[in-house]
N, C-alpha and C. Protein backbone atom coordinates (compact mmCIF):
# COMPACT_ATOMS: atom_id res chain seq x y z
N MET A 1 96.47 95.14 92.92
CA MET A 1 97.42 94.99 94.01
C MET A 1 96.66 94.37 95.21
N THR A 2 97.24 93.39 95.88
CA THR A 2 96.59 92.74 96.98
C THR A 2 96.69 93.63 98.23
N GLU A 3 95.86 93.29 99.23
CA GLU A 3 95.88 93.99 100.49
C GLU A 3 97.26 93.94 101.14
N ASN A 4 97.90 92.75 101.08
CA ASN A 4 99.23 92.60 101.67
C ASN A 4 100.29 93.41 100.93
N GLN A 5 100.16 93.56 99.65
CA GLN A 5 101.10 94.37 98.85
C GLN A 5 100.86 95.85 99.22
N ILE A 6 99.61 96.23 99.36
CA ILE A 6 99.31 97.61 99.79
C ILE A 6 99.89 97.90 101.15
N SER A 7 99.70 96.94 102.08
CA SER A 7 100.26 97.08 103.44
C SER A 7 101.76 97.28 103.41
N HIS A 8 102.44 96.50 102.56
CA HIS A 8 103.89 96.59 102.44
C HIS A 8 104.26 98.01 101.94
N GLU A 9 103.58 98.49 100.91
CA GLU A 9 103.87 99.84 100.37
C GLU A 9 103.63 100.92 101.44
N VAL A 10 102.54 100.78 102.20
CA VAL A 10 102.24 101.77 103.25
C VAL A 10 103.36 101.79 104.28
N LEU A 11 103.79 100.64 104.73
CA LEU A 11 104.88 100.58 105.71
C LEU A 11 106.14 101.25 105.18
N GLY A 12 106.47 100.94 103.94
CA GLY A 12 107.64 101.60 103.30
C GLY A 12 107.53 103.07 103.26
N CYS A 13 106.35 103.58 102.87
CA CYS A 13 106.15 105.00 102.77
C CYS A 13 106.13 105.65 104.17
N ALA A 14 105.55 104.94 105.15
CA ALA A 14 105.51 105.49 106.49
C ALA A 14 106.96 105.61 107.07
N LEU A 15 107.75 104.63 106.79
CA LEU A 15 109.14 104.65 107.25
C LEU A 15 109.87 105.87 106.60
N THR A 16 109.67 106.06 105.31
CA THR A 16 110.28 107.16 104.64
C THR A 16 109.86 108.51 105.24
N VAL A 17 108.55 108.68 105.40
CA VAL A 17 108.03 109.95 105.94
C VAL A 17 108.55 110.19 107.35
N HIS A 18 108.51 109.15 108.19
CA HIS A 18 108.93 109.32 109.58
C HIS A 18 110.42 109.60 109.66
N ARG A 19 111.21 108.92 108.84
CA ARG A 19 112.64 109.18 108.83
C ARG A 19 112.95 110.63 108.47
N TYR A 20 112.17 111.21 107.55
CA TYR A 20 112.41 112.53 107.12
C TYR A 20 111.84 113.61 108.07
N LEU A 21 110.61 113.37 108.54
CA LEU A 21 109.95 114.41 109.37
C LEU A 21 110.14 114.19 110.88
N GLY A 22 110.31 112.96 111.30
CA GLY A 22 110.45 112.65 112.72
C GLY A 22 109.07 112.75 113.43
N PRO A 23 109.07 112.52 114.75
CA PRO A 23 107.85 112.61 115.51
C PRO A 23 107.48 113.99 115.91
N GLY A 24 106.27 114.20 116.42
CA GLY A 24 105.91 115.48 117.03
C GLY A 24 105.10 116.44 116.21
N LEU A 25 104.72 116.09 114.96
CA LEU A 25 103.94 116.97 114.15
C LEU A 25 102.48 116.61 114.25
N LEU A 26 101.64 117.44 113.69
CA LEU A 26 100.20 117.13 113.65
C LEU A 26 99.92 115.97 112.73
N GLU A 27 98.86 115.23 113.07
CA GLU A 27 98.43 114.12 112.28
C GLU A 27 98.16 114.50 110.83
N SER A 28 97.60 115.69 110.62
CA SER A 28 97.27 116.14 109.25
C SER A 28 98.51 116.30 108.38
N VAL A 29 99.61 116.67 109.00
CA VAL A 29 100.90 116.76 108.21
C VAL A 29 101.34 115.36 107.76
N TYR A 30 101.30 114.40 108.64
CA TYR A 30 101.71 113.05 108.24
C TYR A 30 100.76 112.49 107.17
N GLU A 31 99.46 112.79 107.30
CA GLU A 31 98.51 112.30 106.35
C GLU A 31 98.81 112.87 104.97
N GLU A 32 99.03 114.16 104.89
CA GLU A 32 99.29 114.80 103.61
C GLU A 32 100.55 114.23 102.94
N VAL A 33 101.60 114.12 103.70
CA VAL A 33 102.89 113.67 103.14
C VAL A 33 102.84 112.17 102.82
N LEU A 34 102.19 111.38 103.65
CA LEU A 34 102.08 109.95 103.40
C LEU A 34 101.27 109.68 102.16
N VAL A 35 100.15 110.39 101.97
CA VAL A 35 99.38 110.24 100.76
C VAL A 35 100.18 110.63 99.51
N TYR A 36 100.96 111.67 99.65
CA TYR A 36 101.83 112.11 98.55
C TYR A 36 102.79 110.95 98.16
N GLU A 37 103.38 110.36 99.15
CA GLU A 37 104.32 109.21 98.89
C GLU A 37 103.61 108.01 98.28
N LEU A 38 102.40 107.69 98.77
CA LEU A 38 101.63 106.59 98.23
C LEU A 38 101.24 106.82 96.79
N GLU A 39 100.81 108.00 96.52
CA GLU A 39 100.42 108.33 95.12
C GLU A 39 101.62 108.34 94.18
N LYS A 40 102.82 108.72 94.70
CA LYS A 40 104.04 108.64 93.90
C LYS A 40 104.29 107.19 93.47
N ARG A 41 103.85 106.26 94.30
CA ARG A 41 104.04 104.82 93.99
C ARG A 41 102.90 104.24 93.20
N GLY A 42 101.98 105.11 92.76
CA GLY A 42 100.91 104.65 91.92
C GLY A 42 99.67 104.20 92.61
N LEU A 43 99.53 104.41 93.90
CA LEU A 43 98.35 103.95 94.61
C LEU A 43 97.30 105.07 94.68
N SER A 44 96.04 104.74 94.49
CA SER A 44 94.99 105.73 94.62
C SER A 44 94.58 105.82 96.07
N CYS A 45 94.42 107.08 96.54
CA CYS A 45 94.09 107.36 97.92
C CYS A 45 92.94 108.36 97.99
N ASP A 46 92.00 108.07 98.85
CA ASP A 46 90.90 109.03 99.16
C ASP A 46 91.07 109.46 100.59
N ARG A 47 91.12 110.79 100.81
CA ARG A 47 91.36 111.29 102.16
C ARG A 47 90.09 111.84 102.79
N GLN A 48 90.06 111.68 104.15
CA GLN A 48 88.93 112.22 104.94
C GLN A 48 87.57 111.83 104.33
N VAL A 49 87.39 110.55 104.17
CA VAL A 49 86.16 110.00 103.56
C VAL A 49 85.07 109.95 104.63
N THR A 50 83.93 110.61 104.34
CA THR A 50 82.78 110.61 105.24
C THR A 50 82.24 109.19 105.34
N LEU A 51 81.97 108.78 106.56
CA LEU A 51 81.49 107.42 106.81
C LEU A 51 80.15 107.49 107.53
N PRO A 52 79.05 107.20 106.80
CA PRO A 52 77.74 107.18 107.46
C PRO A 52 77.57 105.95 108.32
N VAL A 53 76.79 106.03 109.32
CA VAL A 53 76.44 104.90 110.18
C VAL A 53 75.02 104.42 109.80
N LYS A 54 74.92 103.10 109.52
CA LYS A 54 73.65 102.57 109.10
C LYS A 54 73.14 101.70 110.25
N TYR A 55 71.86 101.91 110.61
CA TYR A 55 71.22 101.13 111.60
C TYR A 55 69.83 100.77 111.10
N GLU A 56 69.61 99.50 110.77
CA GLU A 56 68.38 99.04 110.15
C GLU A 56 68.11 99.92 108.93
N SER A 57 66.97 100.66 108.84
CA SER A 57 66.70 101.44 107.67
C SER A 57 67.15 102.88 107.83
N LEU A 58 67.80 103.20 108.94
CA LEU A 58 68.25 104.53 109.28
C LEU A 58 69.70 104.71 108.85
N GLU A 59 69.99 105.85 108.15
CA GLU A 59 71.39 106.19 107.82
C GLU A 59 71.70 107.53 108.48
N LEU A 60 72.75 107.52 109.30
CA LEU A 60 73.11 108.73 110.05
C LEU A 60 74.45 109.29 109.47
N SER A 61 74.43 110.55 109.12
CA SER A 61 75.63 111.20 108.70
C SER A 61 76.12 112.06 109.88
N LEU A 62 76.92 111.44 110.70
CA LEU A 62 77.32 112.07 111.94
C LEU A 62 78.68 112.72 111.91
N GLY A 63 79.32 112.71 110.76
CA GLY A 63 80.64 113.33 110.65
C GLY A 63 81.81 112.46 110.93
N PHE A 64 81.58 111.13 111.00
CA PHE A 64 82.74 110.24 111.11
C PHE A 64 83.54 110.30 109.85
N ARG A 65 84.86 110.29 109.97
CA ARG A 65 85.74 110.39 108.78
C ARG A 65 86.86 109.38 108.87
N VAL A 66 87.01 108.65 107.81
CA VAL A 66 88.14 107.74 107.67
C VAL A 66 89.31 108.58 107.16
N ASP A 67 90.50 108.45 107.77
CA ASP A 67 91.64 109.23 107.35
C ASP A 67 91.96 109.01 105.86
N VAL A 68 92.24 107.73 105.49
CA VAL A 68 92.64 107.46 104.12
C VAL A 68 92.10 106.06 103.71
N ILE A 69 91.54 105.99 102.51
CA ILE A 69 91.20 104.67 101.94
C ILE A 69 92.10 104.50 100.73
N ILE A 70 92.85 103.37 100.70
CA ILE A 70 93.81 103.14 99.64
C ILE A 70 93.25 102.09 98.72
N GLU A 71 93.27 102.39 97.41
CA GLU A 71 92.82 101.45 96.37
C GLU A 71 91.42 100.85 96.68
N ASN A 72 90.59 101.62 97.33
CA ASN A 72 89.23 101.20 97.68
C ASN A 72 89.18 99.88 98.43
N SER A 73 90.28 99.56 99.13
CA SER A 73 90.33 98.26 99.82
C SER A 73 90.96 98.23 101.17
N VAL A 74 91.75 99.24 101.51
CA VAL A 74 92.47 99.24 102.80
C VAL A 74 92.26 100.61 103.47
N ILE A 75 91.85 100.54 104.72
CA ILE A 75 91.69 101.79 105.53
C ILE A 75 92.94 102.07 106.27
N LEU A 76 93.38 103.33 106.24
CA LEU A 76 94.57 103.78 106.94
C LEU A 76 94.14 104.78 107.99
N GLU A 77 94.37 104.49 109.25
CA GLU A 77 94.04 105.40 110.33
C GLU A 77 95.35 105.86 110.93
N LEU A 78 95.57 107.18 110.92
CA LEU A 78 96.80 107.78 111.39
C LEU A 78 96.60 108.45 112.73
N LYS A 79 97.62 108.37 113.58
CA LYS A 79 97.61 109.08 114.87
C LYS A 79 98.97 109.72 115.04
N SER A 80 98.96 110.75 115.91
CA SER A 80 100.15 111.40 116.40
C SER A 80 99.96 111.64 117.86
N VAL A 81 100.00 110.56 118.64
CA VAL A 81 99.67 110.60 120.08
C VAL A 81 100.81 109.97 120.85
N GLU A 82 100.78 110.20 122.15
CA GLU A 82 101.87 109.72 123.04
C GLU A 82 101.91 108.18 122.98
N SER A 83 100.73 107.58 123.00
CA SER A 83 100.66 106.10 122.90
C SER A 83 99.31 105.70 122.39
N LEU A 84 99.28 104.62 121.61
CA LEU A 84 98.02 104.09 121.12
C LEU A 84 97.26 103.43 122.24
N LEU A 85 95.96 103.59 122.22
CA LEU A 85 95.09 102.96 123.21
C LEU A 85 94.27 101.87 122.55
N PRO A 86 93.76 100.92 123.33
CA PRO A 86 92.92 99.86 122.74
C PRO A 86 91.76 100.43 121.93
N VAL A 87 91.25 101.56 122.31
CA VAL A 87 90.09 102.14 121.58
C VAL A 87 90.45 102.52 120.16
N HIS A 88 91.72 102.81 119.88
CA HIS A 88 92.14 103.14 118.51
C HIS A 88 91.93 101.97 117.60
N LYS A 89 92.31 100.78 118.03
CA LYS A 89 92.11 99.58 117.19
C LYS A 89 90.63 99.26 117.06
N LYS A 90 89.86 99.45 118.15
CA LYS A 90 88.42 99.20 118.09
C LYS A 90 87.75 100.14 117.14
N GLN A 91 88.19 101.39 117.12
CA GLN A 91 87.63 102.41 116.17
C GLN A 91 87.90 101.97 114.77
N LEU A 92 89.12 101.53 114.46
CA LEU A 92 89.47 101.08 113.12
C LEU A 92 88.63 99.84 112.73
N LEU A 93 88.46 98.91 113.65
CA LEU A 93 87.66 97.74 113.35
C LEU A 93 86.22 98.14 113.06
N THR A 94 85.64 99.10 113.79
CA THR A 94 84.32 99.62 113.49
C THR A 94 84.21 100.17 112.10
N TYR A 95 85.24 100.97 111.71
CA TYR A 95 85.28 101.54 110.33
C TYR A 95 85.29 100.43 109.31
N LEU A 96 86.08 99.37 109.58
CA LEU A 96 86.15 98.24 108.63
C LEU A 96 84.76 97.60 108.49
N ARG A 97 84.11 97.41 109.59
CA ARG A 97 82.78 96.76 109.56
C ARG A 97 81.75 97.62 108.83
N LEU A 98 81.77 98.93 109.06
CA LEU A 98 80.84 99.86 108.42
C LEU A 98 81.09 99.95 106.90
N THR A 99 82.28 99.71 106.47
CA THR A 99 82.59 99.81 105.05
C THR A 99 82.67 98.45 104.37
N ASN A 100 82.54 97.36 105.14
CA ASN A 100 82.71 96.01 104.61
C ASN A 100 84.10 95.78 104.00
N MET A 101 85.08 96.45 104.54
CA MET A 101 86.47 96.22 104.12
C MET A 101 87.10 95.22 105.08
N ARG A 102 88.19 94.61 104.65
CA ARG A 102 88.79 93.57 105.43
C ARG A 102 90.03 94.02 106.22
N LEU A 103 90.84 94.92 105.62
CA LEU A 103 92.13 95.25 106.25
C LEU A 103 92.22 96.72 106.59
N GLY A 104 92.67 97.00 107.80
CA GLY A 104 92.95 98.39 108.21
C GLY A 104 94.34 98.46 108.81
N LEU A 105 95.00 99.60 108.63
CA LEU A 105 96.36 99.82 109.14
C LEU A 105 96.30 101.02 110.08
N LEU A 106 96.85 100.84 111.27
CA LEU A 106 96.90 101.92 112.26
C LEU A 106 98.34 102.29 112.52
N ILE A 107 98.70 103.57 112.33
CA ILE A 107 100.04 104.00 112.49
C ILE A 107 100.08 105.23 113.37
N ASN A 108 100.96 105.18 114.38
CA ASN A 108 101.19 106.32 115.27
C ASN A 108 102.55 106.92 114.90
N PHE A 109 102.56 108.15 114.48
CA PHE A 109 103.81 108.82 114.00
C PHE A 109 104.56 109.46 115.18
N ASN A 110 103.96 109.56 116.37
CA ASN A 110 104.60 110.27 117.45
C ASN A 110 105.42 109.28 118.31
N VAL A 111 106.36 108.56 117.68
CA VAL A 111 107.17 107.58 118.34
C VAL A 111 108.59 107.65 117.78
N PRO A 112 109.59 107.19 118.53
CA PRO A 112 110.94 107.20 118.02
C PRO A 112 111.16 106.28 116.83
N LEU A 113 110.53 105.08 116.85
CA LEU A 113 110.65 104.10 115.75
C LEU A 113 109.29 103.76 115.25
N ILE A 114 108.97 104.12 114.01
CA ILE A 114 107.64 103.97 113.44
C ILE A 114 107.25 102.48 113.33
N LYS A 115 108.18 101.61 113.09
CA LYS A 115 107.89 100.18 112.92
C LYS A 115 107.33 99.59 114.20
N GLU A 116 107.53 100.22 115.33
CA GLU A 116 106.99 99.72 116.60
C GLU A 116 105.56 100.20 116.81
N SER A 117 105.07 101.03 115.94
CA SER A 117 103.73 101.58 116.16
C SER A 117 102.88 101.38 114.89
N PHE A 118 103.06 100.28 114.25
CA PHE A 118 102.36 99.93 113.02
C PHE A 118 101.53 98.70 113.27
N SER A 119 100.17 98.79 113.17
CA SER A 119 99.35 97.65 113.51
C SER A 119 98.39 97.34 112.34
N ARG A 120 98.19 96.03 112.13
CA ARG A 120 97.24 95.57 111.15
C ARG A 120 96.00 95.15 111.91
N VAL A 121 94.84 95.59 111.44
CA VAL A 121 93.56 95.23 112.01
C VAL A 121 92.74 94.57 110.92
N VAL A 122 92.25 93.35 111.23
CA VAL A 122 91.52 92.56 110.20
C VAL A 122 90.09 92.36 110.63
N ASN A 123 89.18 92.67 109.69
CA ASN A 123 87.77 92.44 109.88
C ASN A 123 87.51 91.01 109.33
N ARG A 124 87.05 90.16 110.18
CA ARG A 124 86.82 88.75 109.79
C ARG A 124 85.58 88.55 108.89
N LEU A 125 84.89 89.67 108.63
CA LEU A 125 83.68 89.68 107.78
C LEU A 125 82.79 88.57 108.23
């Protein structure tokens, strides 16, 4: 499955989850249910993946965690906040660079319409 196909599936699942649960819950609830929906559609998902930071020959395990990695190719960063800030996209771009992945999806579930809070972040590698 291509990154664009995965992105399409994620958006569909996010719409389904948000329509059912609505805004205002904890991020962990949306993560659990969204991964359930993605796996129902046959996508493999890894949750709360530890992300080490590498600097020259030094590797730091500082406790950074990626919310979800789908099909070992797309990072999904979930939020349940009043509004997304520029730092959220920058954080996702950093995760993409550290993992050498190209596409990340940022979704804020604490909004009236989920499609207005869905962002694609691309690492130009």
